[in-house]
N, C-alpha and C. Protein backbone atom coordinates (compact mmCIF):
# COMPACT_ATOMS: atom_id res chain seq x y z
N MET A 1 25.54 -21.31 128.89
CA MET A 1 25.24 -21.06 130.25
C MET A 1 23.74 -21.13 130.45
N ASP A 2 23.29 -21.97 131.32
CA ASP A 2 21.89 -22.22 131.56
C ASP A 2 21.45 -21.47 132.67
N ASN A 3 20.46 -20.54 132.41
CA ASN A 3 19.97 -19.77 133.52
C ASN A 3 18.51 -20.05 133.76
N GLN A 4 18.05 -21.10 133.50
CA GLN A 4 16.65 -21.38 133.69
C GLN A 4 16.23 -21.48 135.15
N ILE A 5 15.12 -21.00 135.40
CA ILE A 5 14.57 -21.03 136.75
C ILE A 5 13.28 -21.78 136.70
N LEU A 6 13.23 -22.94 137.17
CA LEU A 6 12.12 -23.85 137.08
C LEU A 6 11.11 -23.65 138.20
N ASP A 7 11.59 -23.12 139.29
CA ASP A 7 10.66 -22.88 140.54
C ASP A 7 10.91 -21.53 141.08
N PRO A 8 10.13 -20.50 140.54
CA PRO A 8 10.25 -19.22 141.06
C PRO A 8 9.80 -19.17 142.48
N HIS A 9 10.41 -18.20 143.30
CA HIS A 9 10.06 -18.08 144.68
C HIS A 9 9.11 -16.98 144.85
N ASP A 10 8.59 -16.75 146.08
CA ASP A 10 7.50 -15.99 146.32
C ASP A 10 7.70 -14.40 146.08
N ASN A 11 9.09 -13.99 146.08
CA ASN A 11 9.40 -12.63 145.87
C ASN A 11 9.59 -12.33 144.37
N ASP A 12 9.62 -13.42 143.49
CA ASP A 12 9.85 -13.13 142.09
C ASP A 12 8.57 -12.52 141.50
N VAL A 13 8.74 -11.76 140.49
CA VAL A 13 7.63 -11.19 139.66
C VAL A 13 7.74 -11.87 138.30
N LEU A 14 6.55 -12.38 138.06
CA LEU A 14 6.49 -13.37 136.80
C LEU A 14 5.87 -12.40 135.66
N CYS A 15 6.51 -12.27 134.57
CA CYS A 15 5.92 -11.52 133.44
C CYS A 15 4.93 -12.29 132.61
N GLY A 16 3.89 -11.88 132.30
CA GLY A 16 2.88 -12.69 131.45
C GLY A 16 1.45 -12.28 132.00
N ARG A 17 0.52 -13.21 131.54
CA ARG A 17 -0.84 -13.13 131.88
C ARG A 17 -1.46 -14.45 132.48
N GLY A 18 -2.56 -14.23 132.99
CA GLY A 18 -3.31 -15.34 133.45
C GLY A 18 -3.41 -15.57 134.92
N GLY A 19 -4.19 -16.44 135.30
CA GLY A 19 -4.57 -16.52 136.77
C GLY A 19 -3.31 -16.96 137.72
N TYR A 20 -2.50 -17.82 137.14
CA TYR A 20 -1.40 -18.23 137.96
C TYR A 20 -0.37 -17.11 138.14
N ILE A 21 -0.12 -16.33 137.15
CA ILE A 21 0.75 -15.18 137.20
C ILE A 21 0.14 -14.20 138.06
N ASN A 22 -1.18 -13.84 138.08
CA ASN A 22 -1.83 -12.79 138.65
C ASN A 22 -1.92 -13.07 140.14
N SER A 23 -1.92 -14.35 140.41
CA SER A 23 -2.10 -14.75 141.97
C SER A 23 -0.77 -15.04 142.54
N HIS A 24 0.27 -14.93 141.78
CA HIS A 24 1.66 -15.28 142.34
C HIS A 24 1.89 -14.22 143.36
N PRO A 25 2.42 -14.56 144.53
CA PRO A 25 2.74 -13.60 145.65
C PRO A 25 3.61 -12.45 145.32
N GLY A 26 4.64 -12.70 144.41
CA GLY A 26 5.51 -11.59 143.96
C GLY A 26 4.83 -10.62 143.15
N ASN A 27 3.89 -11.13 142.30
CA ASN A 27 3.11 -10.19 141.41
C ASN A 27 2.22 -9.43 142.23
N GLU A 28 1.55 -9.92 143.14
CA GLU A 28 0.53 -9.14 144.09
C GLU A 28 1.39 -8.15 144.81
N ARG A 29 2.60 -8.45 145.38
CA ARG A 29 3.46 -7.38 146.05
C ARG A 29 3.67 -6.32 145.04
N PHE A 30 4.10 -6.76 143.84
CA PHE A 30 4.45 -5.76 142.87
C PHE A 30 3.28 -4.72 142.63
N ARG A 31 2.06 -5.27 142.34
CA ARG A 31 1.00 -4.40 142.11
C ARG A 31 0.69 -3.57 143.24
N LYS A 32 0.88 -3.91 144.46
CA LYS A 32 0.51 -3.08 145.70
C LYS A 32 1.72 -1.95 145.63
N LEU A 33 2.87 -2.22 145.21
CA LEU A 33 3.97 -1.08 145.22
C LEU A 33 3.68 -0.25 144.16
N VAL A 34 3.14 -0.59 143.02
CA VAL A 34 2.82 0.23 141.91
C VAL A 34 1.62 1.13 142.30
N GLU A 35 0.77 0.49 142.92
CA GLU A 35 -0.58 1.28 143.34
C GLU A 35 -0.10 2.37 144.31
N LYS A 36 0.85 2.01 145.24
CA LYS A 36 1.24 2.99 146.32
C LYS A 36 1.94 4.13 145.68
N ARG A 37 2.58 3.91 144.58
CA ARG A 37 3.50 5.01 143.93
C ARG A 37 2.76 5.71 142.63
N LYS A 38 1.69 5.24 142.44
CA LYS A 38 0.82 5.67 141.17
C LYS A 38 0.69 7.10 141.13
N ARG A 39 0.31 7.79 142.18
CA ARG A 39 0.04 9.34 142.17
C ARG A 39 1.33 10.06 141.86
N VAL A 40 2.39 9.64 142.47
CA VAL A 40 3.68 10.31 142.30
C VAL A 40 4.15 10.16 140.91
N TYR A 41 3.85 8.99 140.34
CA TYR A 41 4.29 8.72 139.02
C TYR A 41 3.55 9.59 138.01
N LEU A 42 2.14 9.70 138.25
CA LEU A 42 1.27 10.43 137.36
C LEU A 42 1.54 11.84 137.46
N ALA A 43 1.94 12.39 138.67
CA ALA A 43 2.16 13.79 138.96
C ALA A 43 3.60 14.19 138.36
N ALA A 44 4.39 13.23 138.08
CA ALA A 44 5.75 13.47 137.57
C ALA A 44 5.60 14.37 136.14
N ARG A 45 6.44 15.39 136.07
CA ARG A 45 6.30 16.23 134.75
C ARG A 45 7.42 15.80 133.85
N PHE A 46 8.53 15.09 134.37
CA PHE A 46 9.57 14.78 133.41
C PHE A 46 9.85 13.35 133.56
N LYS A 47 10.32 12.79 132.31
CA LYS A 47 10.58 11.34 132.10
C LYS A 47 11.51 10.93 133.30
N ARG A 48 12.57 11.71 133.58
CA ARG A 48 13.54 11.36 134.72
C ARG A 48 12.84 11.12 135.93
N GLU A 49 11.93 11.78 136.20
CA GLU A 49 11.13 11.73 137.56
C GLU A 49 10.26 10.35 137.46
N LYS A 50 9.72 10.05 136.31
CA LYS A 50 8.79 8.80 136.10
C LYS A 50 9.88 7.56 136.32
N ARG A 51 11.16 7.70 135.61
CA ARG A 51 12.12 6.75 135.65
C ARG A 51 12.47 6.41 137.22
N LEU A 52 12.70 7.40 137.81
CA LEU A 52 13.06 7.28 139.31
C LEU A 52 11.98 6.54 140.09
N VAL A 53 10.73 6.78 139.82
CA VAL A 53 9.68 6.11 140.55
C VAL A 53 9.62 4.56 140.04
N ALA A 54 9.74 4.35 138.75
CA ALA A 54 9.84 3.05 138.42
C ALA A 54 10.99 2.27 138.92
N ASN A 55 12.19 2.91 139.02
CA ASN A 55 13.35 2.26 139.48
C ASN A 55 13.29 2.03 141.06
N SER A 56 12.50 2.85 141.70
CA SER A 56 12.38 2.70 143.16
C SER A 56 11.53 1.42 143.41
N ILE A 57 10.60 1.15 142.54
CA ILE A 57 9.78 -0.12 142.71
C ILE A 57 10.69 -1.43 142.38
N VAL A 58 11.52 -1.28 141.29
CA VAL A 58 12.36 -2.45 141.01
C VAL A 58 13.30 -2.73 142.11
N SER A 59 13.93 -1.56 142.70
CA SER A 59 14.88 -1.69 143.66
C SER A 59 14.30 -2.28 144.91
N GLU A 60 13.09 -2.07 145.20
CA GLU A 60 12.50 -2.43 146.45
C GLU A 60 12.22 -3.97 146.27
N ILE A 61 11.76 -4.36 145.17
CA ILE A 61 11.60 -5.81 144.96
C ILE A 61 12.96 -6.61 145.02
N ARG A 62 14.12 -6.03 144.54
CA ARG A 62 15.40 -6.66 144.51
C ARG A 62 15.94 -6.66 145.78
N ALA A 63 15.51 -5.72 146.77
CA ALA A 63 16.08 -5.64 148.00
C ALA A 63 15.37 -6.46 148.96
N LEU A 64 14.40 -7.23 148.80
CA LEU A 64 13.68 -8.05 149.71
C LEU A 64 14.63 -9.11 150.38
N GLU A 65 14.36 -9.72 151.42
CA GLU A 65 15.22 -10.63 152.14
C GLU A 65 15.71 -11.77 151.29
N LYS A 66 14.78 -12.26 150.54
CA LYS A 66 15.14 -13.12 149.38
C LYS A 66 14.97 -12.32 148.11
N PRO A 67 15.95 -11.74 147.54
CA PRO A 67 15.70 -10.82 146.47
C PRO A 67 14.81 -11.30 145.34
N GLY A 68 13.86 -10.33 144.92
CA GLY A 68 12.97 -10.71 144.01
C GLY A 68 13.55 -10.51 142.64
N ARG A 69 13.23 -11.32 141.66
CA ARG A 69 13.72 -11.22 140.22
C ARG A 69 12.57 -10.97 139.32
N PHE A 70 12.68 -10.40 138.21
CA PHE A 70 11.82 -10.30 137.15
C PHE A 70 11.93 -11.26 136.22
N LEU A 71 11.02 -12.31 135.99
CA LEU A 71 11.12 -13.39 135.16
C LEU A 71 10.22 -13.54 134.05
N ALA A 72 10.63 -13.99 132.96
CA ALA A 72 9.78 -14.26 131.74
C ALA A 72 10.03 -15.63 131.22
N LYS A 73 8.98 -16.26 130.67
CA LYS A 73 9.16 -17.53 130.07
C LYS A 73 9.98 -17.54 128.86
N ASP A 74 10.87 -18.52 128.70
CA ASP A 74 11.78 -18.67 127.65
C ASP A 74 10.90 -19.23 126.41
N SER A 75 10.75 -18.48 125.34
CA SER A 75 9.89 -18.81 124.33
C SER A 75 10.33 -20.05 123.55
N LYS A 76 11.65 -20.37 123.67
CA LYS A 76 12.24 -21.64 123.17
C LYS A 76 11.81 -22.80 123.82
N THR A 77 11.99 -22.85 125.11
CA THR A 77 11.73 -24.01 125.84
C THR A 77 10.48 -24.02 126.65
N GLY A 78 9.80 -22.82 126.83
CA GLY A 78 8.45 -22.84 127.54
C GLY A 78 8.78 -22.77 129.09
N ASN A 79 9.89 -22.65 129.50
CA ASN A 79 10.33 -22.62 130.94
C ASN A 79 10.37 -21.20 131.31
């Protein structure tokens, strides 16, 4: 089964480093969501609370009009 995504869309979050990844619209949106919830996360006393904050960010990305995906390069193919 081939699940390669050669052309990520603007709601996708790309895992990795570098200028292209940092400036990708999905990554910019993701960083804004993280920043918005940072205080709640840091104030959380229990791992369960922290997990809820993290899950809310992931859910918001996946609930966009064109659902965002969390993508990483395939180390074997480079795609």
